[in-house]
Amino acid sequence: MQDISDKLVKLRKHKKITQEKLASSLHVSRKTISNWENKRGIPDLDSLNLICNIFNIPLNYFSEKVEDCYIDNNSTIGKKSFNNTKTEIMKYTFYFNLILTVVSAVNLFIIGKYHLTFITPLLILNLCVFFSYYGGISKNFKLNRKKIICVFLIIFLVLMLLELGIILDHNNNNIDIGILFGITMHCFSLAIGIETFLFFGNYLPNEK
């Protein structure tokens, strides 16, 4: 019966990925990968989720009861993966987020009857679906916490100032709580949508 170390080595070699490249994708050192493969440690759950996303395999591949049924005769990893549905949802919501983010950004400058009020809740819903299927969110956030927070605040504040200026100019410097709440939610969701591409697109599985 193979353990996690043996299965990780087999996955990496079948995919012809070096320890350095895998370490870079997981945001860990090459020594950490070496330790995992030589049974001097094991990946945490977040790292295992990222490995599964990279190799397009289900998490239960690393279970003691699961053998190499996910590596076929042509050495194609993940061809029989039960993770395909999750992967497809993650990819489609990621690219749909791109469309919604662009539309939302354009919508920032539209006032009046052509202003699309449904874009903000649709963008928020799509982001919720994406992150619910994204296996490495907690690890990615821990590794890039300061950068993610700083970039978010900058984007959010710039968007708020920009949209407030547009709304105030259109309404002759009059604004109520309802409009302010709508502006805040619009800028908040748009800022997260932009950050999704900056920090959370790294682990979308590559199609070969």
N, C-alpha and C. Protein backbone atom coordinates (compact mmCIF):
# COMPACT_ATOMS: atom_id res chain seq x y z
N MET A 1 0.85 -1.20 0.00
CA MET A 1 0.00 0.00 0.00
C MET A 1 0.88 1.25 0.00
N GLN A 2 0.65 2.13 -0.95
CA GLN A 2 1.46 3.34 -1.04
C GLN A 2 0.95 4.42 -0.09
N ASP A 3 1.89 5.23 0.43
CA ASP A 3 1.48 6.34 1.27
C ASP A 3 1.52 7.63 0.46
N ILE A 4 1.26 8.75 1.12
CA ILE A 4 1.19 10.04 0.43
C ILE A 4 2.51 10.36 -0.26
N SER A 5 3.63 10.08 0.39
CA SER A 5 4.94 10.38 -0.19
C SER A 5 5.15 9.66 -1.51
N ASP A 6 4.87 8.35 -1.52
CA ASP A 6 5.07 7.57 -2.75
C ASP A 6 4.16 8.04 -3.87
N LYS A 7 2.91 8.35 -3.52
CA LYS A 7 1.96 8.79 -4.54
C LYS A 7 2.32 10.16 -5.10
N LEU A 8 2.84 11.03 -4.24
CA LEU A 8 3.25 12.35 -4.71
C LEU A 8 4.42 12.23 -5.69
N VAL A 9 5.38 11.37 -5.37
CA VAL A 9 6.52 11.16 -6.26
C VAL A 9 6.04 10.63 -7.61
N LYS A 10 5.13 9.65 -7.57
CA LYS A 10 4.63 9.05 -8.81
C LYS A 10 3.87 10.08 -9.65
N LEU A 11 3.05 10.89 -9.01
CA LEU A 11 2.32 11.94 -9.73
C LEU A 11 3.27 12.91 -10.40
N ARG A 12 4.23 13.37 -9.64
CA ARG A 12 5.16 14.39 -10.15
C ARG A 12 5.98 13.85 -11.32
N LYS A 13 6.45 12.61 -11.21
CA LYS A 13 7.28 12.04 -12.26
C LYS A 13 6.47 11.72 -13.51
N HIS A 14 5.23 11.27 -13.34
CA HIS A 14 4.38 11.01 -14.50
C HIS A 14 4.08 12.30 -15.25
N LYS A 15 3.94 13.38 -14.51
CA LYS A 15 3.64 14.68 -15.12
C LYS A 15 4.91 15.38 -15.59
N LYS A 16 6.08 14.80 -15.24
CA LYS A 16 7.38 15.36 -15.62
C LYS A 16 7.55 16.78 -15.11
N ILE A 17 7.21 16.96 -13.84
CA ILE A 17 7.36 18.25 -13.18
C ILE A 17 8.49 18.15 -12.17
N THR A 18 9.39 19.10 -12.18
CA THR A 18 10.49 19.09 -11.22
C THR A 18 10.01 19.51 -9.84
N GLN A 19 10.81 19.20 -8.85
CA GLN A 19 10.49 19.62 -7.49
C GLN A 19 10.44 21.14 -7.40
N GLU A 20 11.34 21.81 -8.12
CA GLU A 20 11.37 23.28 -8.09
C GLU A 20 10.09 23.88 -8.66
N LYS A 21 9.62 23.31 -9.77
CA LYS A 21 8.41 23.84 -10.40
C LYS A 21 7.18 23.60 -9.53
N LEU A 22 7.09 22.40 -8.95
CA LEU A 22 5.96 22.10 -8.07
C LEU A 22 5.99 22.99 -6.84
N ALA A 23 7.19 23.19 -6.29
CA ALA A 23 7.34 24.06 -5.12
C ALA A 23 6.89 25.48 -5.43
N SER A 24 7.24 25.97 -6.62
CA SER A 24 6.84 27.31 -7.01
C SER A 24 5.32 27.43 -7.13
N SER A 25 4.68 26.41 -7.68
CA SER A 25 3.23 26.42 -7.83
C SER A 25 2.51 26.38 -6.49
N LEU A 26 3.15 25.73 -5.51
CA LEU A 26 2.53 25.59 -4.19
C LEU A 26 2.99 26.68 -3.22
N HIS A 27 3.90 27.55 -3.68
CA HIS A 27 4.45 28.61 -2.83
C HIS A 27 5.15 28.04 -1.59
N VAL A 28 5.91 26.98 -1.81
CA VAL A 28 6.74 26.41 -0.75
C VAL A 28 8.15 26.25 -1.31
N SER A 29 9.10 25.86 -0.46
CA SER A 29 10.47 25.67 -0.93
C SER A 29 10.65 24.29 -1.55
N ARG A 30 11.71 24.15 -2.36
CA ARG A 30 12.00 22.83 -2.94
C ARG A 30 12.31 21.82 -1.85
N LYS A 31 12.93 22.30 -0.77
CA LYS A 31 13.26 21.41 0.34
C LYS A 31 12.00 20.83 0.97
N THR A 32 10.93 21.63 1.00
CA THR A 32 9.66 21.14 1.55
C THR A 32 9.13 19.99 0.71
N ILE A 33 9.18 20.13 -0.62
CA ILE A 33 8.74 19.05 -1.51
C ILE A 33 9.59 17.81 -1.29
N SER A 34 10.90 18.02 -1.17
CA SER A 34 11.82 16.90 -0.93
C SER A 34 11.49 16.19 0.39
N ASN A 35 11.18 16.97 1.41
CA ASN A 35 10.83 16.37 2.71
C ASN A 35 9.56 15.54 2.61
N TRP A 36 8.57 16.07 1.87
CA TRP A 36 7.32 15.32 1.70
C TRP A 36 7.58 13.99 0.98
N GLU A 37 8.40 14.05 -0.06
CA GLU A 37 8.63 12.85 -0.87
C GLU A 37 9.53 11.84 -0.16
N ASN A 38 10.30 12.30 0.81
CA ASN A 38 11.20 11.40 1.54
C ASN A 38 10.68 11.07 2.94
N LYS A 39 9.37 11.30 3.12
CA LYS A 39 8.67 10.90 4.35
C LYS A 39 9.21 11.59 5.59
N ARG A 40 9.65 12.84 5.40
CA ARG A 40 10.08 13.64 6.55
C ARG A 40 9.04 14.71 6.88
N GLY A 41 7.84 14.50 6.41
CA GLY A 41 6.74 15.42 6.64
C GLY A 41 5.63 15.12 5.64
N ILE A 42 4.46 15.67 5.87
CA ILE A 42 3.34 15.47 4.94
C ILE A 42 2.70 16.82 4.64
N PRO A 43 2.13 16.97 3.44
CA PRO A 43 1.45 18.24 3.10
C PRO A 43 0.22 18.45 3.98
N ASP A 44 -0.06 19.71 4.31
CA ASP A 44 -1.30 19.99 5.03
C ASP A 44 -2.47 19.92 4.05
N LEU A 45 -3.68 20.04 4.58
CA LEU A 45 -4.88 19.86 3.74
C LEU A 45 -4.94 20.89 2.62
N ASP A 46 -4.56 22.14 2.90
CA ASP A 46 -4.58 23.17 1.85
C ASP A 46 -3.62 22.81 0.72
N SER A 47 -2.43 22.33 1.09
CA SER A 47 -1.44 21.95 0.08
C SER A 47 -1.92 20.76 -0.74
N LEU A 48 -2.56 19.80 -0.08
CA LEU A 48 -3.10 18.65 -0.81
C LEU A 48 -4.18 19.08 -1.80
N ASN A 49 -5.02 20.03 -1.39
CA ASN A 49 -6.05 20.54 -2.29
C ASN A 49 -5.44 21.21 -3.51
N LEU A 50 -4.36 21.97 -3.29
CA LEU A 50 -3.69 22.63 -4.41
C LEU A 50 -3.03 21.61 -5.34
N ILE A 51 -2.43 20.59 -4.75
CA ILE A 51 -1.82 19.52 -5.55
C ILE A 51 -2.88 18.84 -6.42
N CYS A 52 -4.04 18.59 -5.83
CA CYS A 52 -5.14 17.97 -6.58
C CYS A 52 -5.60 18.85 -7.72
N ASN A 53 -5.66 20.17 -7.49
CA ASN A 53 -6.04 21.09 -8.56
C ASN A 53 -5.01 21.11 -9.68
N ILE A 54 -3.73 21.10 -9.30
CA ILE A 54 -2.66 21.15 -10.29
C ILE A 54 -2.65 19.89 -11.16
N PHE A 55 -2.83 18.72 -10.53
CA PHE A 55 -2.77 17.46 -11.26
C PHE A 55 -4.14 16.97 -11.74
N ASN A 56 -5.19 17.73 -11.39
CA ASN A 56 -6.54 17.39 -11.82
C ASN A 56 -6.95 15.99 -11.34
N ILE A 57 -6.80 15.78 -10.04
CA ILE A 57 -7.18 14.51 -9.43
C ILE A 57 -8.04 14.79 -8.21
N PRO A 58 -8.82 13.81 -7.75
CA PRO A 58 -9.62 14.01 -6.54
C PRO A 58 -8.76 13.86 -5.29
N LEU A 59 -9.20 14.46 -4.22
CA LEU A 59 -8.45 14.41 -2.97
C LEU A 59 -8.31 12.99 -2.45
N ASN A 60 -9.29 12.15 -2.73
CA ASN A 60 -9.23 10.79 -2.19
C ASN A 60 -8.16 9.92 -2.86
N TYR A 61 -7.46 10.47 -3.88
CA TYR A 61 -6.34 9.74 -4.47
C TYR A 61 -5.27 9.46 -3.41
N PHE A 62 -5.15 10.37 -2.44
CA PHE A 62 -4.12 10.21 -1.41
C PHE A 62 -4.60 9.35 -0.24
N SER A 63 -5.81 8.83 -0.34
CA SER A 63 -6.30 7.93 0.69
C SER A 63 -5.56 6.61 0.62
N GLU A 64 -5.35 5.98 1.75
CA GLU A 64 -4.64 4.70 1.79
C GLU A 64 -5.38 3.62 1.02
N LYS A 65 -6.71 3.78 0.89
CA LYS A 65 -7.52 2.74 0.26
C LYS A 65 -7.61 2.89 -1.26
N VAL A 66 -7.04 3.97 -1.79
CA VAL A 66 -7.14 4.23 -3.22
C VAL A 66 -5.79 3.98 -3.87
N GLU A 67 -5.78 3.11 -4.87
CA GLU A 67 -4.54 2.82 -5.58
C GLU A 67 -4.39 3.75 -6.78
N ASP A 68 -3.59 3.36 -7.77
CA ASP A 68 -3.27 4.25 -8.88
C ASP A 68 -4.29 4.18 -10.01
N CYS A 69 -5.58 4.18 -9.67
CA CYS A 69 -6.61 4.08 -10.70
C CYS A 69 -6.74 5.38 -11.49
N TYR A 70 -6.08 6.46 -11.04
CA TYR A 70 -6.18 7.73 -11.73
C TYR A 70 -5.02 7.97 -12.69
N ILE A 71 -4.15 6.97 -12.82
CA ILE A 71 -3.07 7.04 -13.80
C ILE A 71 -3.31 5.92 -14.79
N ASP A 72 -3.70 6.25 -16.02
CA ASP A 72 -4.07 5.22 -16.98
C ASP A 72 -2.84 4.67 -17.70
N ASN A 73 -3.07 3.80 -18.67
CA ASN A 73 -1.97 3.15 -19.37
C ASN A 73 -1.11 4.11 -20.16
N ASN A 74 -1.65 5.28 -20.49
CA ASN A 74 -0.89 6.27 -21.24
C ASN A 74 -0.24 7.29 -20.32
N SER A 75 -0.23 7.00 -19.04
CA SER A 75 0.36 7.88 -18.03
C SER A 75 -0.29 9.25 -18.01
N THR A 76 -1.58 9.31 -18.29
CA THR A 76 -2.31 10.57 -18.24
C THR A 76 -2.95 10.70 -16.88
N ILE A 77 -2.52 11.70 -16.12
CA ILE A 77 -3.01 11.86 -14.76
C ILE A 77 -4.36 12.56 -14.77
N GLY A 78 -5.27 12.00 -14.01
CA GLY A 78 -6.55 12.65 -13.81
C GLY A 78 -7.58 12.36 -14.87
N LYS A 79 -7.29 11.45 -15.81
CA LYS A 79 -8.24 11.18 -16.88
C LYS A 79 -9.53 10.58 -16.35
N LYS A 80 -9.41 9.80 -15.26
CA LYS A 80 -10.58 9.16 -14.68
C LYS A 80 -11.02 9.87 -13.41
N SER A 81 -10.63 11.11 -13.29
CA SER A 81 -10.89 11.82 -12.05
C SER A 81 -12.36 12.11 -11.83
N PHE A 82 -12.78 11.92 -10.56
CA PHE A 82 -14.13 12.31 -10.18
C PHE A 82 -14.21 13.81 -9.92
N ASN A 83 -13.07 14.47 -10.09
CA ASN A 83 -12.99 15.89 -9.80
C ASN A 83 -13.32 16.76 -11.01
N ASN A 84 -13.70 16.14 -12.13
CA ASN A 84 -13.90 16.90 -13.36
C ASN A 84 -15.00 17.94 -13.24
N THR A 85 -16.10 17.57 -12.59
CA THR A 85 -17.21 18.51 -12.46
C THR A 85 -16.80 19.73 -11.67
N LYS A 86 -16.11 19.50 -10.57
CA LYS A 86 -15.62 20.61 -9.74
C LYS A 86 -14.68 21.50 -10.55
N THR A 87 -13.79 20.88 -11.31
CA THR A 87 -12.83 21.63 -12.12
C THR A 87 -13.53 22.48 -13.16
N GLU A 88 -14.52 21.91 -13.83
CA GLU A 88 -15.25 22.64 -14.86
C GLU A 88 -16.00 23.83 -14.27
N ILE A 89 -16.65 23.61 -13.13
CA ILE A 89 -17.38 24.71 -12.48
C ILE A 89 -16.42 25.83 -12.11
N MET A 90 -15.26 25.46 -11.57
CA MET A 90 -14.28 26.45 -11.15
C MET A 90 -13.78 27.27 -12.35
N LYS A 91 -13.51 26.59 -13.47
CA LYS A 91 -13.03 27.29 -14.65
C LYS A 91 -14.09 28.20 -15.25
N TYR A 92 -15.32 27.69 -15.37
CA TYR A 92 -16.38 28.48 -15.99
C TYR A 92 -16.73 29.71 -15.15
N THR A 93 -16.78 29.53 -13.82
CA THR A 93 -17.09 30.68 -12.97
C THR A 93 -15.95 31.69 -12.98
N PHE A 94 -14.72 31.21 -13.13
CA PHE A 94 -13.57 32.12 -13.20
C PHE A 94 -13.67 33.00 -14.44
N TYR A 95 -13.96 32.40 -15.59
CA TYR A 95 -14.04 33.17 -16.83
C TYR A 95 -15.33 34.00 -16.90
N PHE A 96 -16.40 33.48 -16.30
CA PHE A 96 -17.63 34.27 -16.23
C PHE A 96 -17.40 35.50 -15.35
N ASN A 97 -16.56 35.32 -14.33
CA ASN A 97 -16.20 36.44 -13.47
C ASN A 97 -15.48 37.53 -14.26
N LEU A 98 -14.66 37.12 -15.23
CA LEU A 98 -13.97 38.08 -16.08
C LEU A 98 -14.98 38.94 -16.84
N ILE A 99 -15.98 38.27 -17.42
CA ILE A 99 -17.01 38.99 -18.18
C ILE A 99 -17.77 39.95 -17.27
N LEU A 100 -18.20 39.44 -16.11
CA LEU A 100 -18.98 40.27 -15.19
C LEU A 100 -18.17 41.44 -14.65
N THR A 101 -16.88 41.21 -14.41
CA THR A 101 -16.02 42.29 -13.90
C THR A 101 -15.87 43.40 -14.93
N VAL A 102 -15.68 43.02 -16.19
CA VAL A 102 -15.57 44.02 -17.26
C VAL A 102 -16.87 44.80 -17.40
N VAL A 103 -18.01 44.07 -17.41
CA VAL A 103 -19.31 44.74 -17.53
C VAL A 103 -19.55 45.64 -16.33
N SER A 104 -19.17 45.16 -15.13
CA SER A 104 -19.35 45.95 -13.92
C SER A 104 -18.50 47.22 -13.96
N ALA A 105 -17.29 47.11 -14.50
CA ALA A 105 -16.41 48.28 -14.61
C ALA A 105 -16.99 49.30 -15.58
N VAL A 106 -17.53 48.82 -16.70
CA VAL A 106 -18.17 49.72 -17.67
C VAL A 106 -19.41 50.35 -17.05
N ASN A 107 -20.13 49.53 -16.28
CA ASN A 107 -21.36 49.98 -15.63
C ASN A 107 -21.11 51.11 -14.64
N LEU A 108 -19.87 51.21 -14.19
CA LEU A 108 -19.48 52.26 -13.25
C LEU A 108 -19.74 53.65 -13.81
N PHE A 109 -19.63 53.78 -15.14
CA PHE A 109 -19.74 55.09 -15.78
C PHE A 109 -21.12 55.34 -16.38
N ILE A 110 -22.04 54.37 -16.18
CA ILE A 110 -23.37 54.51 -16.78
C ILE A 110 -24.38 54.96 -15.74
N ILE A 111 -25.01 56.05 -15.97
CA ILE A 111 -26.06 56.57 -15.09
C ILE A 111 -27.35 56.66 -15.89
N GLY A 112 -28.46 56.30 -15.25
CA GLY A 112 -29.74 56.42 -15.94
C GLY A 112 -30.33 55.08 -16.30
N LYS A 113 -31.13 55.05 -17.36
CA LYS A 113 -31.91 53.85 -17.67
C LYS A 113 -31.06 52.68 -18.14
N TYR A 114 -29.83 52.93 -18.58
CA TYR A 114 -28.98 51.85 -19.04
C TYR A 114 -28.07 51.29 -17.94
N HIS A 115 -28.23 51.80 -16.72
CA HIS A 115 -27.44 51.30 -15.59
C HIS A 115 -27.94 49.91 -15.20
N LEU A 116 -27.07 48.91 -15.22
CA LEU A 116 -27.46 47.52 -14.98
C LEU A 116 -27.33 47.18 -13.50
N THR A 117 -28.43 47.32 -12.77
CA THR A 117 -28.38 47.12 -11.32
C THR A 117 -28.22 45.66 -10.92
N PHE A 118 -28.52 44.73 -11.83
CA PHE A 118 -28.43 43.31 -11.49
C PHE A 118 -27.00 42.77 -11.57
N ILE A 119 -26.08 43.54 -12.13
CA ILE A 119 -24.70 43.06 -12.31
C ILE A 119 -24.02 42.80 -10.97
N THR A 120 -24.20 43.70 -10.00
CA THR A 120 -23.52 43.54 -8.71
C THR A 120 -23.93 42.26 -7.99
N PRO A 121 -25.24 41.98 -7.79
CA PRO A 121 -25.59 40.71 -7.13
C PRO A 121 -25.17 39.48 -7.93
N LEU A 122 -25.20 39.59 -9.26
CA LEU A 122 -24.78 38.46 -10.10
C LEU A 122 -23.28 38.21 -9.94
N LEU A 123 -22.49 39.27 -9.87
CA LEU A 123 -21.05 39.14 -9.68
C LEU A 123 -20.74 38.54 -8.31
N ILE A 124 -21.45 39.00 -7.28
CA ILE A 124 -21.24 38.47 -5.92
C ILE A 124 -21.58 36.98 -5.88
N LEU A 125 -22.70 36.59 -6.50
CA LEU A 125 -23.11 35.19 -6.53
C LEU A 125 -22.08 34.33 -7.25
N ASN A 126 -21.59 34.82 -8.38
CA ASN A 126 -20.60 34.07 -9.15
C ASN A 126 -19.30 33.91 -8.37
N LEU A 127 -18.88 34.96 -7.67
CA LEU A 127 -17.67 34.89 -6.86
C LEU A 127 -17.82 33.87 -5.73
N CYS A 128 -19.00 33.82 -5.13
CA CYS A 128 -19.26 32.86 -4.05
C CYS A 128 -19.14 31.43 -4.57
N VAL A 129 -19.69 31.18 -5.76
CA VAL A 129 -19.60 29.84 -6.36
C VAL A 129 -18.14 29.50 -6.66
N PHE A 130 -17.41 30.44 -7.25
CA PHE A 130 -16.01 30.19 -7.59
C PHE A 130 -15.19 29.83 -6.36
N PHE A 131 -15.29 30.64 -5.31
CA PHE A 131 -14.46 30.41 -4.13
C PHE A 131 -14.91 29.18 -3.34
N SER A 132 -16.16 28.76 -3.50
CA SER A 132 -16.60 27.54 -2.82
C SER A 132 -15.97 26.30 -3.45
N TYR A 133 -15.52 26.41 -4.72
CA TYR A 133 -14.86 25.29 -5.39
C TYR A 133 -13.35 25.46 -5.48
N TYR A 134 -12.85 26.60 -5.04
CA TYR A 134 -11.42 26.89 -5.14
C TYR A 134 -10.71 26.28 -3.94
N GLY A 135 -9.89 25.25 -4.18
CA GLY A 135 -9.30 24.50 -3.08
C GLY A 135 -8.22 25.20 -2.30
N GLY A 136 -7.57 26.21 -2.87
CA GLY A 136 -6.41 26.78 -2.21
C GLY A 136 -6.60 28.17 -1.66
N ILE A 137 -7.86 28.56 -1.39
CA ILE A 137 -8.11 29.95 -1.00
C ILE A 137 -7.44 30.31 0.32
N SER A 138 -7.54 29.44 1.33
CA SER A 138 -6.99 29.80 2.64
C SER A 138 -5.46 29.85 2.60
N LYS A 139 -4.84 28.89 1.91
CA LYS A 139 -3.37 28.88 1.81
C LYS A 139 -2.88 30.08 1.00
N ASN A 140 -3.56 30.35 -0.11
CA ASN A 140 -3.17 31.48 -0.96
C ASN A 140 -3.30 32.79 -0.19
N PHE A 141 -4.38 32.93 0.58
CA PHE A 141 -4.59 34.16 1.34
C PHE A 141 -3.53 34.31 2.43
N LYS A 142 -3.18 33.21 3.10
CA LYS A 142 -2.16 33.27 4.15
C LYS A 142 -0.82 33.70 3.57
N LEU A 143 -0.48 33.17 2.40
CA LEU A 143 0.81 33.47 1.79
C LEU A 143 0.89 34.89 1.25
N ASN A 144 -0.25 35.44 0.81
CA ASN A 144 -0.25 36.76 0.18
C ASN A 144 -1.14 37.75 0.93
N ARG A 145 -1.34 37.52 2.23
CA ARG A 145 -2.32 38.30 2.99
C ARG A 145 -2.10 39.80 2.88
N LYS A 146 -0.90 40.27 3.16
CA LYS A 146 -0.63 41.71 3.16
C LYS A 146 -0.84 42.31 1.77
N LYS A 147 -0.34 41.61 0.76
CA LYS A 147 -0.47 42.10 -0.61
C LYS A 147 -1.94 42.15 -1.03
N ILE A 148 -2.68 41.09 -0.72
CA ILE A 148 -4.09 41.02 -1.11
C ILE A 148 -4.89 42.14 -0.44
N ILE A 149 -4.66 42.34 0.86
CA ILE A 149 -5.40 43.37 1.60
C ILE A 149 -5.06 44.77 1.09
N CYS A 150 -3.77 45.03 0.89
CA CYS A 150 -3.34 46.36 0.42
C CYS A 150 -3.88 46.67 -0.96
N VAL A 151 -3.78 45.71 -1.87
CA VAL A 151 -4.27 45.91 -3.23
C VAL A 151 -5.78 46.10 -3.23
N PHE A 152 -6.48 45.30 -2.41
CA PHE A 152 -7.94 45.44 -2.33
C PHE A 152 -8.33 46.83 -1.86
N LEU A 153 -7.69 47.32 -0.79
CA LEU A 153 -8.03 48.64 -0.25
C LEU A 153 -7.78 49.74 -1.28
N ILE A 154 -6.67 49.63 -2.01
CA ILE A 154 -6.35 50.64 -3.02
C ILE A 154 -7.40 50.64 -4.13
N ILE A 155 -7.70 49.43 -4.65
CA ILE A 155 -8.70 49.33 -5.72
C ILE A 155 -10.06 49.81 -5.24
N PHE A 156 -10.46 49.38 -4.05
CA PHE A 156 -11.77 49.74 -3.51
C PHE A 156 -11.89 51.25 -3.32
N LEU A 157 -10.89 51.88 -2.73
CA LEU A 157 -10.94 53.32 -2.48
C LEU A 157 -10.95 54.12 -3.79
N VAL A 158 -10.15 53.69 -4.76
CA VAL A 158 -10.13 54.38 -6.06
C VAL A 158 -11.50 54.28 -6.73
N LEU A 159 -12.09 53.08 -6.70
CA LEU A 159 -13.41 52.89 -7.30
C LEU A 159 -14.48 53.71 -6.58
N MET A 160 -14.41 53.74 -5.24
CA MET A 160 -15.39 54.51 -4.46
C MET A 160 -15.30 55.99 -4.80
N LEU A 161 -14.10 56.53 -4.83
CA LEU A 161 -13.92 57.95 -5.15
C LEU A 161 -14.40 58.26 -6.56
N LEU A 162 -14.10 57.36 -7.48
CA LEU A 162 -14.50 57.56 -8.87
C LEU A 162 -16.02 57.54 -9.02
N GLU A 163 -16.66 56.52 -8.43
CA GLU A 163 -18.11 56.40 -8.59
C GLU A 163 -18.85 57.48 -7.80
N LEU A 164 -18.34 57.83 -6.61
CA LEU A 164 -18.96 58.91 -5.84
C LEU A 164 -18.92 60.22 -6.62
N GLY A 165 -17.78 60.47 -7.27
CA GLY A 165 -17.66 61.68 -8.07
C GLY A 165 -18.67 61.72 -9.20
N ILE A 166 -18.85 60.57 -9.86
CA ILE A 166 -19.80 60.49 -10.98
C ILE A 166 -21.23 60.69 -10.48
N ILE A 167 -21.59 60.01 -9.38
CA ILE A 167 -22.95 60.10 -8.84
C ILE A 167 -23.25 61.50 -8.34
N LEU A 168 -22.32 62.09 -7.60
CA LEU A 168 -22.53 63.44 -7.05
C LEU A 168 -22.68 64.47 -8.17
N ASP A 169 -21.89 64.30 -9.22
CA ASP A 169 -21.98 65.23 -10.35
C ASP A 169 -23.33 65.08 -11.06
N HIS A 170 -23.81 63.85 -11.15
CA HIS A 170 -25.08 63.60 -11.83
C HIS A 170 -26.27 64.06 -11.00
N ASN A 171 -26.16 63.95 -9.66
CA ASN A 171 -27.28 64.28 -8.76
C ASN A 171 -27.13 65.64 -8.10
N ASN A 172 -26.30 66.49 -8.67
CA ASN A 172 -26.10 67.84 -8.13
C ASN A 172 -25.68 67.81 -6.66
N ASN A 173 -24.70 66.95 -6.36
CA ASN A 173 -24.11 66.82 -5.02
C ASN A 173 -25.09 66.31 -3.97
N ASN A 174 -26.17 65.66 -4.39
CA ASN A 174 -27.11 65.05 -3.45
C ASN A 174 -26.96 63.53 -3.49
N ILE A 175 -26.93 62.92 -2.30
CA ILE A 175 -26.79 61.47 -2.22
C ILE A 175 -27.45 60.99 -0.93
N ASP A 176 -28.16 59.85 -1.01
CA ASP A 176 -28.80 59.31 0.19
C ASP A 176 -28.14 58.00 0.60
N ILE A 177 -28.61 57.42 1.71
CA ILE A 177 -27.99 56.21 2.26
C ILE A 177 -28.14 55.03 1.30
N GLY A 178 -29.30 54.93 0.64
CA GLY A 178 -29.53 53.83 -0.29
C GLY A 178 -28.53 53.84 -1.44
N ILE A 179 -28.32 55.03 -2.01
CA ILE A 179 -27.36 55.15 -3.11
C ILE A 179 -25.95 54.85 -2.63
N LEU A 180 -25.61 55.35 -1.43
CA LEU A 180 -24.28 55.11 -0.87
C LEU A 180 -24.04 53.62 -0.65
N PHE A 181 -25.07 52.92 -0.16
CA PHE A 181 -24.95 51.47 0.05
C PHE A 181 -24.75 50.75 -1.28
N GLY A 182 -25.51 51.15 -2.30
CA GLY A 182 -25.38 50.55 -3.62
C GLY A 182 -23.99 50.76 -4.20
N ILE A 183 -23.47 51.98 -4.04
CA ILE A 183 -22.12 52.28 -4.53
C ILE A 183 -21.08 51.42 -3.82
N THR A 184 -21.24 51.31 -2.49
CA THR A 184 -20.28 50.52 -1.70
C THR A 184 -20.27 49.07 -2.14
N MET A 185 -21.45 48.46 -2.31
CA MET A 185 -21.53 47.06 -2.72
C MET A 185 -20.98 46.87 -4.13
N HIS A 186 -21.26 47.83 -5.01
CA HIS A 186 -20.75 47.74 -6.38
C HIS A 186 -19.23 47.77 -6.40
N CYS A 187 -18.65 48.72 -5.68
CA CYS A 187 -17.19 48.85 -5.66
C CYS A 187 -16.53 47.68 -4.93
N PHE A 188 -17.19 47.20 -3.87
CA PHE A 188 -16.66 46.06 -3.11
C PHE A 188 -16.58 44.81 -3.98
N SER A 189 -17.68 44.50 -4.67
CA SER A 189 -17.71 43.30 -5.52
C SER A 189 -16.77 43.44 -6.71
N LEU A 190 -16.68 44.65 -7.26
CA LEU A 190 -15.79 44.88 -8.40
C LEU A 190 -14.33 44.74 -7.99
N ALA A 191 -13.99 45.23 -6.80
CA ALA A 191 -12.62 45.11 -6.30
C ALA A 191 -12.24 43.64 -6.10
N ILE A 192 -13.16 42.85 -5.54
CA ILE A 192 -12.89 41.42 -5.35
C ILE A 192 -12.78 40.72 -6.70
N GLY A 193 -13.64 41.12 -7.65
CA GLY A 193 -13.58 40.53 -8.98
C GLY A 193 -12.23 40.76 -9.64
N ILE A 194 -11.70 41.97 -9.49
CA ILE A 194 -10.38 42.29 -10.06
C ILE A 194 -9.29 41.48 -9.35
N GLU A 195 -9.38 41.38 -8.03
CA GLU A 195 -8.37 40.64 -7.27
C GLU A 195 -8.38 39.15 -7.59
N THR A 196 -9.53 38.63 -7.98
CA THR A 196 -9.61 37.21 -8.34
C THR A 196 -8.62 36.88 -9.45
N PHE A 197 -8.49 37.78 -10.42
CA PHE A 197 -7.56 37.55 -11.53
C PHE A 197 -6.11 37.78 -11.12
N LEU A 198 -5.92 38.67 -10.16
CA LEU A 198 -4.55 38.99 -9.75
C LEU A 198 -3.94 37.91 -8.86
N PHE A 199 -4.77 37.26 -8.03
CA PHE A 199 -4.22 36.37 -7.01
C PHE A 199 -4.77 34.95 -7.00
N PHE A 200 -5.90 34.70 -7.66
CA PHE A 200 -6.54 33.40 -7.49
C PHE A 200 -6.73 32.62 -8.79
N GLY A 201 -5.99 32.99 -9.83
CA GLY A 201 -6.08 32.24 -11.07
C GLY A 201 -4.95 31.26 -11.26
N ASN A 202 -4.07 31.15 -10.25
CA ASN A 202 -2.85 30.35 -10.39
C ASN A 202 -3.08 28.86 -10.51
N TYR A 203 -4.15 28.37 -9.89
CA TYR A 203 -4.30 26.93 -9.76
C TYR A 203 -5.42 26.35 -10.60
N LEU A 204 -5.84 27.10 -11.62
CA LEU A 204 -6.79 26.52 -12.56
C LEU A 204 -6.08 25.44 -13.35
N PRO A 205 -6.63 24.22 -13.38
CA PRO A 205 -5.95 23.12 -14.07
C PRO A 205 -5.73 23.43 -15.54
N ASN A 206 -4.57 23.05 -16.05
CA ASN A 206 -4.27 23.24 -17.46
C ASN A 206 -4.79 22.06 -18.26
N GLU A 207 -5.43 22.36 -19.38
CA GLU A 207 -5.90 21.29 -20.25
C GLU A 207 -4.79 20.91 -21.21
N LYS A 208 -4.55 19.61 -21.28
CA LYS A 208 -3.49 19.11 -22.17
C LYS A 208 -4.12 18.43 -23.36
